[in-house]
Amino acid sequence: MTFDTPLVSIIVPIYNAELYLSECLSSIASQTYQNIEVILINDGSTDRSEEIAENICKKDQRFRLINQTNFGVAAARQLGLKNTNGEFVIHCDSDDLMAERAIEYLYKSITDNGSDIAVGAYTGQGKLGDELITHHTCNKYDFIHNMLIGTYHSSLCNKLIRTELCREISFDKNINYME
């Protein structure tokens, strides 16, 4: 992947994530799709999360840190969206890991199909459904429908979404689970 590809913004809300944050950020830094900016939103962490985030920002200019008082994950995502420059966005939780070719595959899926959203494979700890979606593209209406009926895993880290579409909707600051 070269820098003639569109910029992809990755928003990572952080709250007391010192136990797994380094591994998460390392998985983002090692993406084969290189034209990324990573917006780290420290949501008032009281552990070493801010220090870990600052260290990667010093090592990799694609990462930048924004600190805020603890307003919750939805507010952190909203702040991240306000500070993105990318044509596409991925929301990655601080305990998520991204396969090294995740963005590359998601972007290819969008360009091959002319889509606004690409949904990639997801593996999680805990009970998984009988079928694993390896990739799927759809329009925004089908995406919302499939999310509501449970076809797609609700995590955002396996979804590449056109930024303008993300900005049309917002995260409810009163919802703290599966927001």
N, C-alpha and C. Protein backbone atom coordinates (compact mmCIF):
# COMPACT_ATOMS: atom_id res chain seq x y z
N MET A 1 0.85 -1.18 0.00
CA MET A 1 0.00 0.00 0.00
C MET A 1 0.89 1.24 0.00
N THR A 2 0.56 2.17 -0.85
CA THR A 2 1.33 3.40 -0.92
C THR A 2 0.48 4.57 -0.42
N PHE A 3 1.11 5.72 -0.35
CA PHE A 3 0.42 6.89 0.18
C PHE A 3 -0.47 7.56 -0.86
N ASP A 4 -0.66 6.95 -2.06
CA ASP A 4 -1.63 7.48 -2.99
C ASP A 4 -3.02 6.92 -2.69
N THR A 5 -3.10 6.12 -1.65
CA THR A 5 -4.38 5.60 -1.18
C THR A 5 -4.99 6.59 -0.20
N PRO A 6 -6.32 6.58 -0.04
CA PRO A 6 -6.95 7.52 0.88
C PRO A 6 -6.50 7.33 2.32
N LEU A 7 -6.50 8.42 3.06
CA LEU A 7 -6.17 8.37 4.48
C LEU A 7 -7.30 7.67 5.24
N VAL A 8 -6.93 6.73 6.10
CA VAL A 8 -7.87 6.05 6.98
C VAL A 8 -7.58 6.51 8.40
N SER A 9 -8.61 6.98 9.08
CA SER A 9 -8.48 7.42 10.48
C SER A 9 -8.92 6.29 11.39
N ILE A 10 -8.12 6.02 12.40
CA ILE A 10 -8.47 5.00 13.39
C ILE A 10 -8.62 5.72 14.72
N ILE A 11 -9.79 5.61 15.30
CA ILE A 11 -10.09 6.27 16.58
C ILE A 11 -10.05 5.22 17.68
N VAL A 12 -9.22 5.48 18.70
CA VAL A 12 -9.08 4.54 19.81
C VAL A 12 -9.42 5.26 21.12
N PRO A 13 -10.62 5.02 21.67
CA PRO A 13 -10.93 5.56 22.99
C PRO A 13 -10.17 4.75 24.04
N ILE A 14 -9.60 5.43 25.01
CA ILE A 14 -8.78 4.75 26.02
C ILE A 14 -9.27 5.13 27.41
N TYR A 15 -9.50 4.11 28.22
CA TYR A 15 -9.80 4.36 29.63
C TYR A 15 -9.23 3.20 30.45
N ASN A 16 -8.21 3.49 31.25
CA ASN A 16 -7.58 2.49 32.13
C ASN A 16 -7.33 1.16 31.41
N ALA A 17 -6.57 1.25 30.33
CA ALA A 17 -6.33 0.10 29.46
C ALA A 17 -4.88 -0.35 29.45
N GLU A 18 -4.12 -0.02 30.50
CA GLU A 18 -2.68 -0.28 30.48
C GLU A 18 -2.33 -1.75 30.24
N LEU A 19 -3.19 -2.68 30.61
CA LEU A 19 -2.87 -4.10 30.49
C LEU A 19 -2.84 -4.59 29.05
N TYR A 20 -3.56 -3.94 28.15
CA TYR A 20 -3.63 -4.42 26.77
C TYR A 20 -3.42 -3.33 25.73
N LEU A 21 -3.24 -2.09 26.14
CA LEU A 21 -3.13 -0.99 25.20
C LEU A 21 -1.91 -1.11 24.27
N SER A 22 -0.76 -1.47 24.80
CA SER A 22 0.45 -1.58 23.97
C SER A 22 0.25 -2.56 22.83
N GLU A 23 -0.37 -3.69 23.13
CA GLU A 23 -0.60 -4.71 22.10
C GLU A 23 -1.59 -4.21 21.05
N CYS A 24 -2.62 -3.51 21.49
CA CYS A 24 -3.59 -2.93 20.57
C CYS A 24 -2.90 -1.95 19.62
N LEU A 25 -2.15 -1.02 20.16
CA LEU A 25 -1.51 0.01 19.35
C LEU A 25 -0.44 -0.57 18.44
N SER A 26 0.24 -1.59 18.90
CA SER A 26 1.22 -2.28 18.06
C SER A 26 0.54 -2.93 16.86
N SER A 27 -0.63 -3.52 17.08
CA SER A 27 -1.34 -4.16 15.97
C SER A 27 -1.80 -3.12 14.94
N ILE A 28 -2.10 -1.92 15.39
CA ILE A 28 -2.48 -0.85 14.47
C ILE A 28 -1.25 -0.34 13.72
N ALA A 29 -0.15 -0.14 14.43
CA ALA A 29 1.08 0.37 13.82
C ALA A 29 1.62 -0.57 12.75
N SER A 30 1.35 -1.85 12.87
CA SER A 30 1.91 -2.83 11.93
C SER A 30 1.00 -3.13 10.74
N GLN A 31 -0.01 -2.30 10.52
CA GLN A 31 -0.90 -2.51 9.38
C GLN A 31 -0.13 -2.41 8.06
N THR A 32 -0.48 -3.26 7.09
CA THR A 32 0.13 -3.18 5.77
C THR A 32 -0.38 -1.96 5.01
N TYR A 33 -1.58 -1.52 5.30
CA TYR A 33 -2.11 -0.27 4.75
C TYR A 33 -1.51 0.84 5.60
N GLN A 34 -0.58 1.58 5.02
CA GLN A 34 0.23 2.52 5.80
C GLN A 34 -0.35 3.93 5.92
N ASN A 35 -1.23 4.33 5.02
CA ASN A 35 -1.71 5.71 5.04
C ASN A 35 -2.84 5.87 6.07
N ILE A 36 -2.41 5.89 7.33
CA ILE A 36 -3.35 5.97 8.44
C ILE A 36 -2.98 7.12 9.37
N GLU A 37 -3.98 7.61 10.07
CA GLU A 37 -3.77 8.47 11.22
C GLU A 37 -4.50 7.79 12.37
N VAL A 38 -3.90 7.83 13.54
CA VAL A 38 -4.50 7.16 14.69
C VAL A 38 -4.76 8.22 15.76
N ILE A 39 -6.03 8.40 16.07
CA ILE A 39 -6.45 9.39 17.06
C ILE A 39 -6.71 8.65 18.36
N LEU A 40 -5.85 8.87 19.34
CA LEU A 40 -5.99 8.24 20.65
C LEU A 40 -6.71 9.23 21.57
N ILE A 41 -7.83 8.82 22.12
CA ILE A 41 -8.59 9.68 23.02
C ILE A 41 -8.49 9.10 24.42
N ASN A 42 -7.64 9.71 25.25
CA ASN A 42 -7.52 9.27 26.64
C ASN A 42 -8.67 9.90 27.42
N ASP A 43 -9.55 9.04 27.90
CA ASP A 43 -10.78 9.49 28.56
C ASP A 43 -10.62 9.55 30.07
N GLY A 44 -9.56 10.24 30.52
CA GLY A 44 -9.34 10.43 31.95
C GLY A 44 -8.79 9.22 32.67
N SER A 45 -7.97 8.44 32.00
CA SER A 45 -7.39 7.24 32.63
C SER A 45 -6.60 7.60 33.89
N THR A 46 -6.65 6.71 34.87
CA THR A 46 -5.91 6.91 36.12
C THR A 46 -4.77 5.92 36.25
N ASP A 47 -4.57 5.08 35.24
CA ASP A 47 -3.47 4.12 35.26
C ASP A 47 -2.37 4.64 34.31
N ARG A 48 -1.56 3.77 33.75
CA ARG A 48 -0.44 4.16 32.88
C ARG A 48 -0.84 4.31 31.41
N SER A 49 -2.12 4.30 31.11
CA SER A 49 -2.58 4.38 29.71
C SER A 49 -2.06 5.62 28.99
N GLU A 50 -2.12 6.77 29.64
CA GLU A 50 -1.66 8.00 29.00
C GLU A 50 -0.17 7.91 28.67
N GLU A 51 0.62 7.39 29.57
CA GLU A 51 2.06 7.22 29.34
C GLU A 51 2.33 6.30 28.16
N ILE A 52 1.61 5.20 28.08
CA ILE A 52 1.76 4.25 26.97
C ILE A 52 1.41 4.93 25.65
N ALA A 53 0.31 5.68 25.65
CA ALA A 53 -0.11 6.39 24.44
C ALA A 53 0.91 7.45 24.04
N GLU A 54 1.43 8.20 25.00
CA GLU A 54 2.44 9.22 24.71
C GLU A 54 3.68 8.59 24.08
N ASN A 55 4.09 7.43 24.58
CA ASN A 55 5.28 6.76 24.06
C ASN A 55 5.13 6.38 22.59
N ILE A 56 3.98 5.85 22.21
CA ILE A 56 3.82 5.48 20.79
C ILE A 56 3.72 6.72 19.92
N CYS A 57 3.14 7.80 20.44
CA CYS A 57 3.07 9.05 19.68
C CYS A 57 4.46 9.60 19.39
N LYS A 58 5.39 9.42 20.32
CA LYS A 58 6.77 9.87 20.12
C LYS A 58 7.47 9.03 19.05
N LYS A 59 7.13 7.75 18.97
CA LYS A 59 7.79 6.83 18.04
C LYS A 59 7.19 6.85 16.64
N ASP A 60 5.91 7.16 16.52
CA ASP A 60 5.21 7.03 15.24
C ASP A 60 4.35 8.28 15.02
N GLN A 61 4.73 9.08 14.03
CA GLN A 61 4.05 10.35 13.78
C GLN A 61 2.61 10.19 13.31
N ARG A 62 2.20 8.98 12.96
CA ARG A 62 0.81 8.74 12.54
C ARG A 62 -0.14 8.73 13.73
N PHE A 63 0.39 8.65 14.94
CA PHE A 63 -0.40 8.60 16.17
C PHE A 63 -0.43 9.97 16.83
N ARG A 64 -1.60 10.36 17.33
CA ARG A 64 -1.67 11.57 18.15
C ARG A 64 -2.65 11.35 19.29
N LEU A 65 -2.35 12.00 20.39
CA LEU A 65 -3.10 11.81 21.63
C LEU A 65 -3.89 13.06 21.98
N ILE A 66 -5.15 12.85 22.34
CA ILE A 66 -6.00 13.92 22.85
C ILE A 66 -6.50 13.46 24.22
N ASN A 67 -6.32 14.30 25.22
CA ASN A 67 -6.79 13.98 26.57
C ASN A 67 -8.10 14.71 26.85
N GLN A 68 -9.00 14.02 27.52
CA GLN A 68 -10.23 14.64 27.98
C GLN A 68 -10.57 14.11 29.36
N THR A 69 -11.41 14.84 30.07
CA THR A 69 -11.95 14.36 31.34
C THR A 69 -12.81 13.14 31.03
N ASN A 70 -13.00 12.28 32.00
CA ASN A 70 -13.76 11.05 31.79
C ASN A 70 -15.23 11.34 31.48
N PHE A 71 -15.52 11.41 30.17
CA PHE A 71 -16.89 11.64 29.71
C PHE A 71 -17.53 10.37 29.15
N GLY A 72 -16.76 9.29 29.06
CA GLY A 72 -17.30 8.04 28.54
C GLY A 72 -16.87 7.76 27.11
N VAL A 73 -17.04 6.51 26.72
CA VAL A 73 -16.56 6.04 25.42
C VAL A 73 -17.27 6.72 24.25
N ALA A 74 -18.56 6.96 24.37
CA ALA A 74 -19.29 7.60 23.27
C ALA A 74 -18.75 9.02 23.02
N ALA A 75 -18.53 9.77 24.09
CA ALA A 75 -17.98 11.12 23.96
C ALA A 75 -16.56 11.07 23.40
N ALA A 76 -15.79 10.06 23.78
CA ALA A 76 -14.43 9.90 23.24
C ALA A 76 -14.48 9.63 21.74
N ARG A 77 -15.39 8.77 21.31
CA ARG A 77 -15.54 8.50 19.87
C ARG A 77 -15.95 9.77 19.12
N GLN A 78 -16.88 10.54 19.68
CA GLN A 78 -17.32 11.78 19.04
C GLN A 78 -16.16 12.77 18.91
N LEU A 79 -15.38 12.90 19.96
CA LEU A 79 -14.22 13.79 19.92
C LEU A 79 -13.22 13.31 18.87
N GLY A 80 -13.03 12.02 18.79
CA GLY A 80 -12.15 11.46 17.77
C GLY A 80 -12.64 11.80 16.37
N LEU A 81 -13.94 11.63 16.13
CA LEU A 81 -14.51 11.94 14.81
C LEU A 81 -14.31 13.40 14.44
N LYS A 82 -14.42 14.29 15.42
CA LYS A 82 -14.23 15.72 15.16
C LYS A 82 -12.79 16.03 14.76
N ASN A 83 -11.87 15.16 15.10
CA ASN A 83 -10.45 15.41 14.86
C ASN A 83 -9.85 14.54 13.76
N THR A 84 -10.69 13.88 12.98
CA THR A 84 -10.18 13.03 11.91
C THR A 84 -10.03 13.81 10.61
N ASN A 85 -9.10 13.35 9.81
CA ASN A 85 -8.87 13.92 8.48
C ASN A 85 -9.08 12.90 7.38
N GLY A 86 -9.31 11.65 7.75
CA GLY A 86 -9.38 10.57 6.78
C GLY A 86 -10.69 10.51 6.02
N GLU A 87 -10.62 9.89 4.86
CA GLU A 87 -11.81 9.63 4.05
C GLU A 87 -12.64 8.49 4.64
N PHE A 88 -11.94 7.60 5.35
CA PHE A 88 -12.59 6.46 6.00
C PHE A 88 -12.18 6.42 7.47
N VAL A 89 -13.01 5.75 8.28
CA VAL A 89 -12.73 5.67 9.71
C VAL A 89 -12.97 4.25 10.22
N ILE A 90 -12.16 3.87 11.19
CA ILE A 90 -12.36 2.64 11.95
C ILE A 90 -12.33 3.04 13.42
N HIS A 91 -13.27 2.51 14.18
CA HIS A 91 -13.27 2.70 15.64
C HIS A 91 -12.70 1.42 16.24
N CYS A 92 -11.60 1.54 16.94
CA CYS A 92 -10.93 0.38 17.53
C CYS A 92 -10.88 0.56 19.04
N ASP A 93 -11.47 -0.35 19.77
CA ASP A 93 -11.40 -0.27 21.23
C ASP A 93 -9.99 -0.61 21.70
N SER A 94 -9.62 -0.12 22.86
CA SER A 94 -8.25 -0.28 23.36
C SER A 94 -7.91 -1.72 23.73
N ASP A 95 -8.89 -2.60 23.75
CA ASP A 95 -8.61 -4.02 24.01
C ASP A 95 -8.77 -4.86 22.74
N ASP A 96 -8.91 -4.22 21.59
CA ASP A 96 -9.01 -4.93 20.31
C ASP A 96 -7.64 -5.08 19.68
N LEU A 97 -7.50 -6.12 18.88
CA LEU A 97 -6.30 -6.33 18.07
C LEU A 97 -6.73 -6.39 16.62
N MET A 98 -5.94 -5.79 15.74
CA MET A 98 -6.25 -5.83 14.32
C MET A 98 -5.23 -6.70 13.60
N ALA A 99 -5.71 -7.62 12.78
CA ALA A 99 -4.82 -8.42 11.95
C ALA A 99 -4.05 -7.46 11.04
N GLU A 100 -2.81 -7.80 10.71
CA GLU A 100 -1.94 -6.83 10.02
C GLU A 100 -2.45 -6.39 8.65
N ARG A 101 -3.30 -7.18 8.01
CA ARG A 101 -3.83 -6.78 6.70
C ARG A 101 -5.30 -6.36 6.77
N ALA A 102 -5.80 -6.11 7.96
CA ALA A 102 -7.22 -5.80 8.14
C ALA A 102 -7.66 -4.59 7.31
N ILE A 103 -6.97 -3.48 7.44
CA ILE A 103 -7.38 -2.28 6.72
C ILE A 103 -7.21 -2.48 5.22
N GLU A 104 -6.14 -3.11 4.82
CA GLU A 104 -5.91 -3.39 3.40
C GLU A 104 -7.09 -4.15 2.80
N TYR A 105 -7.52 -5.21 3.45
CA TYR A 105 -8.64 -6.01 2.96
C TYR A 105 -9.96 -5.24 2.98
N LEU A 106 -10.19 -4.50 4.05
CA LEU A 106 -11.43 -3.72 4.13
C LEU A 106 -11.48 -2.65 3.04
N TYR A 107 -10.36 -1.96 2.82
CA TYR A 107 -10.32 -0.93 1.79
C TYR A 107 -10.52 -1.55 0.40
N LYS A 108 -9.88 -2.67 0.15
CA LYS A 108 -10.04 -3.36 -1.14
C LYS A 108 -11.50 -3.74 -1.36
N SER A 109 -12.15 -4.19 -0.32
CA SER A 109 -13.56 -4.56 -0.43
C SER A 109 -14.42 -3.35 -0.80
N ILE A 110 -14.13 -2.21 -0.19
CA ILE A 110 -14.89 -0.99 -0.51
C ILE A 110 -14.65 -0.56 -1.95
N THR A 111 -13.39 -0.56 -2.39
CA THR A 111 -13.10 -0.11 -3.75
C THR A 111 -13.62 -1.09 -4.79
N ASP A 112 -13.53 -2.37 -4.52
CA ASP A 112 -14.03 -3.37 -5.46
C ASP A 112 -15.54 -3.31 -5.64
N ASN A 113 -16.24 -2.86 -4.60
CA ASN A 113 -17.70 -2.90 -4.62
C ASN A 113 -18.36 -1.53 -4.61
N GLY A 114 -17.59 -0.47 -4.54
CA GLY A 114 -18.16 0.87 -4.51
C GLY A 114 -19.03 1.12 -3.29
N SER A 115 -18.63 0.58 -2.16
CA SER A 115 -19.44 0.64 -0.94
C SER A 115 -19.02 1.79 -0.03
N ASP A 116 -19.87 2.09 0.94
CA ASP A 116 -19.56 3.06 1.98
C ASP A 116 -19.04 2.39 3.24
N ILE A 117 -19.33 1.10 3.39
CA ILE A 117 -18.98 0.35 4.59
C ILE A 117 -18.49 -1.03 4.18
N ALA A 118 -17.42 -1.49 4.82
CA ALA A 118 -16.98 -2.87 4.66
C ALA A 118 -16.90 -3.49 6.04
N VAL A 119 -17.37 -4.71 6.15
CA VAL A 119 -17.35 -5.45 7.41
C VAL A 119 -16.42 -6.63 7.23
N GLY A 120 -15.41 -6.73 8.10
CA GLY A 120 -14.44 -7.82 8.00
C GLY A 120 -14.70 -8.90 9.02
N ALA A 121 -13.88 -9.90 8.97
CA ALA A 121 -13.99 -11.01 9.92
C ALA A 121 -13.68 -10.51 11.32
N TYR A 122 -14.21 -11.20 12.28
CA TYR A 122 -14.01 -10.84 13.68
C TYR A 122 -13.90 -12.11 14.49
N THR A 123 -12.91 -12.17 15.35
CA THR A 123 -12.79 -13.28 16.28
C THR A 123 -12.75 -12.69 17.67
N GLY A 124 -13.54 -13.24 18.55
CA GLY A 124 -13.58 -12.70 19.90
C GLY A 124 -13.49 -13.80 20.92
N GLN A 125 -13.27 -13.41 22.14
CA GLN A 125 -13.30 -14.36 23.23
C GLN A 125 -14.73 -14.48 23.69
N GLY A 126 -15.14 -15.69 23.94
CA GLY A 126 -16.52 -15.92 24.34
C GLY A 126 -17.25 -16.69 23.27
N LYS A 127 -18.55 -16.76 23.38
CA LYS A 127 -19.35 -17.54 22.45
C LYS A 127 -19.52 -16.82 21.12
N LEU A 128 -19.16 -17.51 20.05
CA LEU A 128 -19.33 -16.99 18.70
C LEU A 128 -20.51 -17.69 18.05
N GLY A 129 -21.09 -17.06 17.07
CA GLY A 129 -22.17 -17.68 16.31
C GLY A 129 -21.66 -18.85 15.49
N ASP A 130 -22.58 -19.52 14.80
CA ASP A 130 -22.22 -20.68 14.00
C ASP A 130 -21.47 -20.32 12.73
N GLU A 131 -21.60 -19.08 12.29
CA GLU A 131 -21.00 -18.69 11.03
C GLU A 131 -20.15 -17.44 11.23
N LEU A 132 -18.98 -17.42 10.64
CA LEU A 132 -18.09 -16.27 10.72
C LEU A 132 -18.13 -15.56 9.37
N ILE A 133 -18.49 -14.29 9.37
CA ILE A 133 -18.50 -13.52 8.13
C ILE A 133 -17.06 -13.16 7.80
N THR A 134 -16.59 -13.54 6.63
CA THR A 134 -15.22 -13.21 6.25
C THR A 134 -15.11 -11.82 5.65
N HIS A 135 -16.09 -11.42 4.88
CA HIS A 135 -16.19 -10.03 4.42
C HIS A 135 -17.57 -9.81 3.83
N HIS A 136 -17.99 -8.58 3.85
CA HIS A 136 -19.31 -8.26 3.32
C HIS A 136 -19.35 -6.76 3.08
N THR A 137 -19.98 -6.36 1.99
CA THR A 137 -20.17 -4.94 1.75
C THR A 137 -21.67 -4.68 1.61
N CYS A 138 -22.07 -3.47 1.92
CA CYS A 138 -23.50 -3.15 1.85
C CYS A 138 -23.68 -1.64 1.86
N ASN A 139 -24.91 -1.22 1.60
CA ASN A 139 -25.21 0.20 1.73
C ASN A 139 -25.56 0.49 3.19
N LYS A 140 -25.70 1.76 3.52
CA LYS A 140 -25.89 2.13 4.93
C LYS A 140 -27.19 1.59 5.51
N TYR A 141 -28.22 1.44 4.71
CA TYR A 141 -29.50 0.95 5.22
C TYR A 141 -29.42 -0.54 5.55
N ASP A 142 -28.80 -1.32 4.64
CA ASP A 142 -28.62 -2.75 4.91
C ASP A 142 -27.70 -2.96 6.11
N PHE A 143 -26.69 -2.10 6.24
CA PHE A 143 -25.77 -2.22 7.36
C PHE A 143 -26.51 -2.06 8.69
N ILE A 144 -27.31 -1.02 8.80
CA ILE A 144 -28.06 -0.79 10.04
C ILE A 144 -29.02 -1.94 10.30
N HIS A 145 -29.72 -2.40 9.26
CA HIS A 145 -30.63 -3.54 9.41
C HIS A 145 -29.89 -4.77 9.92
N ASN A 146 -28.75 -5.08 9.31
CA ASN A 146 -27.98 -6.27 9.71
C ASN A 146 -27.42 -6.14 11.12
N MET A 147 -27.06 -4.93 11.53
CA MET A 147 -26.60 -4.73 12.90
C MET A 147 -27.75 -4.99 13.88
N LEU A 148 -28.93 -4.49 13.55
CA LEU A 148 -30.07 -4.62 14.44
C LEU A 148 -30.54 -6.06 14.59
N ILE A 149 -30.47 -6.85 13.52
CA ILE A 149 -30.93 -8.23 13.62
C ILE A 149 -29.83 -9.19 14.04
N GLY A 150 -28.64 -8.66 14.27
CA GLY A 150 -27.56 -9.48 14.81
C GLY A 150 -26.73 -10.23 13.79
N THR A 151 -26.85 -9.89 12.50
CA THR A 151 -26.04 -10.55 11.48
C THR A 151 -24.56 -10.21 11.67
N TYR A 152 -24.28 -8.96 12.02
CA TYR A 152 -22.91 -8.52 12.22
C TYR A 152 -22.61 -8.44 13.70
N HIS A 153 -21.39 -8.81 14.05
CA HIS A 153 -20.93 -8.61 15.42
C HIS A 153 -20.93 -7.11 15.67
N SER A 154 -21.28 -6.72 16.85
CA SER A 154 -21.47 -5.30 17.13
C SER A 154 -20.18 -4.51 17.32
N SER A 155 -19.04 -5.16 17.36
CA SER A 155 -17.79 -4.43 17.50
C SER A 155 -17.57 -3.53 16.29
N LEU A 156 -16.95 -2.39 16.50
CA LEU A 156 -16.67 -1.48 15.41
C LEU A 156 -15.30 -1.70 14.78
N CYS A 157 -14.43 -2.45 15.44
CA CYS A 157 -13.05 -2.56 14.97
C CYS A 157 -12.92 -3.33 13.66
N ASN A 158 -13.95 -4.05 13.24
CA ASN A 158 -13.87 -4.80 11.99
C ASN A 158 -14.69 -4.13 10.88
N LYS A 159 -14.92 -2.82 11.03
CA LYS A 159 -15.72 -2.10 10.05
C LYS A 159 -14.99 -0.85 9.58
N LEU A 160 -14.85 -0.72 8.27
CA LEU A 160 -14.29 0.48 7.66
C LEU A 160 -15.48 1.26 7.10
N ILE A 161 -15.64 2.48 7.56
CA ILE A 161 -16.83 3.27 7.23
C ILE A 161 -16.39 4.61 6.65
N ARG A 162 -17.07 5.03 5.59
CA ARG A 162 -16.79 6.35 5.02
C ARG A 162 -17.05 7.40 6.11
N THR A 163 -16.09 8.28 6.33
CA THR A 163 -16.14 9.23 7.44
C THR A 163 -17.39 10.11 7.39
N GLU A 164 -17.77 10.57 6.21
CA GLU A 164 -18.95 11.44 6.11
C GLU A 164 -20.20 10.71 6.59
N LEU A 165 -20.27 9.41 6.40
CA LEU A 165 -21.40 8.63 6.89
C LEU A 165 -21.38 8.56 8.41
N CYS A 166 -20.20 8.37 8.98
CA CYS A 166 -20.06 8.34 10.45
C CYS A 166 -20.49 9.66 11.06
N ARG A 167 -20.19 10.73 10.40
CA ARG A 167 -20.53 12.04 10.94
C ARG A 167 -22.03 12.33 10.87
N GLU A 168 -22.76 11.61 10.01
CA GLU A 168 -24.21 11.79 9.91
C GLU A 168 -24.93 11.24 11.13
N ILE A 169 -24.31 10.29 11.79
CA ILE A 169 -24.90 9.70 12.99
C ILE A 169 -24.00 10.03 14.16
N SER A 170 -24.46 9.81 15.36
CA SER A 170 -23.61 10.09 16.51
C SER A 170 -23.75 8.98 17.53
N PHE A 171 -22.81 8.94 18.43
CA PHE A 171 -22.83 7.97 19.52
C PHE A 171 -23.57 8.60 20.69
N ASP A 172 -24.53 7.88 21.22
CA ASP A 172 -25.32 8.36 22.35
C ASP A 172 -24.45 8.33 23.60
N LYS A 173 -24.22 9.48 24.18
CA LYS A 173 -23.35 9.57 25.36
C LYS A 173 -23.96 8.93 26.60
N ASN A 174 -25.24 8.60 26.55
CA ASN A 174 -25.90 7.95 27.68
C ASN A 174 -25.82 6.43 27.63
N ILE A 175 -25.31 5.90 26.51
CA ILE A 175 -25.18 4.45 26.37
C ILE A 175 -23.72 4.09 26.53
N ASN A 176 -23.41 3.22 27.47
CA ASN A 176 -22.02 2.85 27.74
C ASN A 176 -21.69 1.44 27.31
N TYR A 177 -22.63 0.71 26.75
CA TYR A 177 -22.38 -0.66 26.32
C TYR A 177 -22.87 -0.81 24.89
N MET A 178 -22.03 -1.33 24.03
CA MET A 178 -22.35 -1.54 22.62
C MET A 178 -22.92 -0.27 21.98
N GLU A 179 -22.27 0.85 22.31
CA GLU A 179 -22.73 2.14 21.85
C GLU A 179 -22.53 2.30 20.37
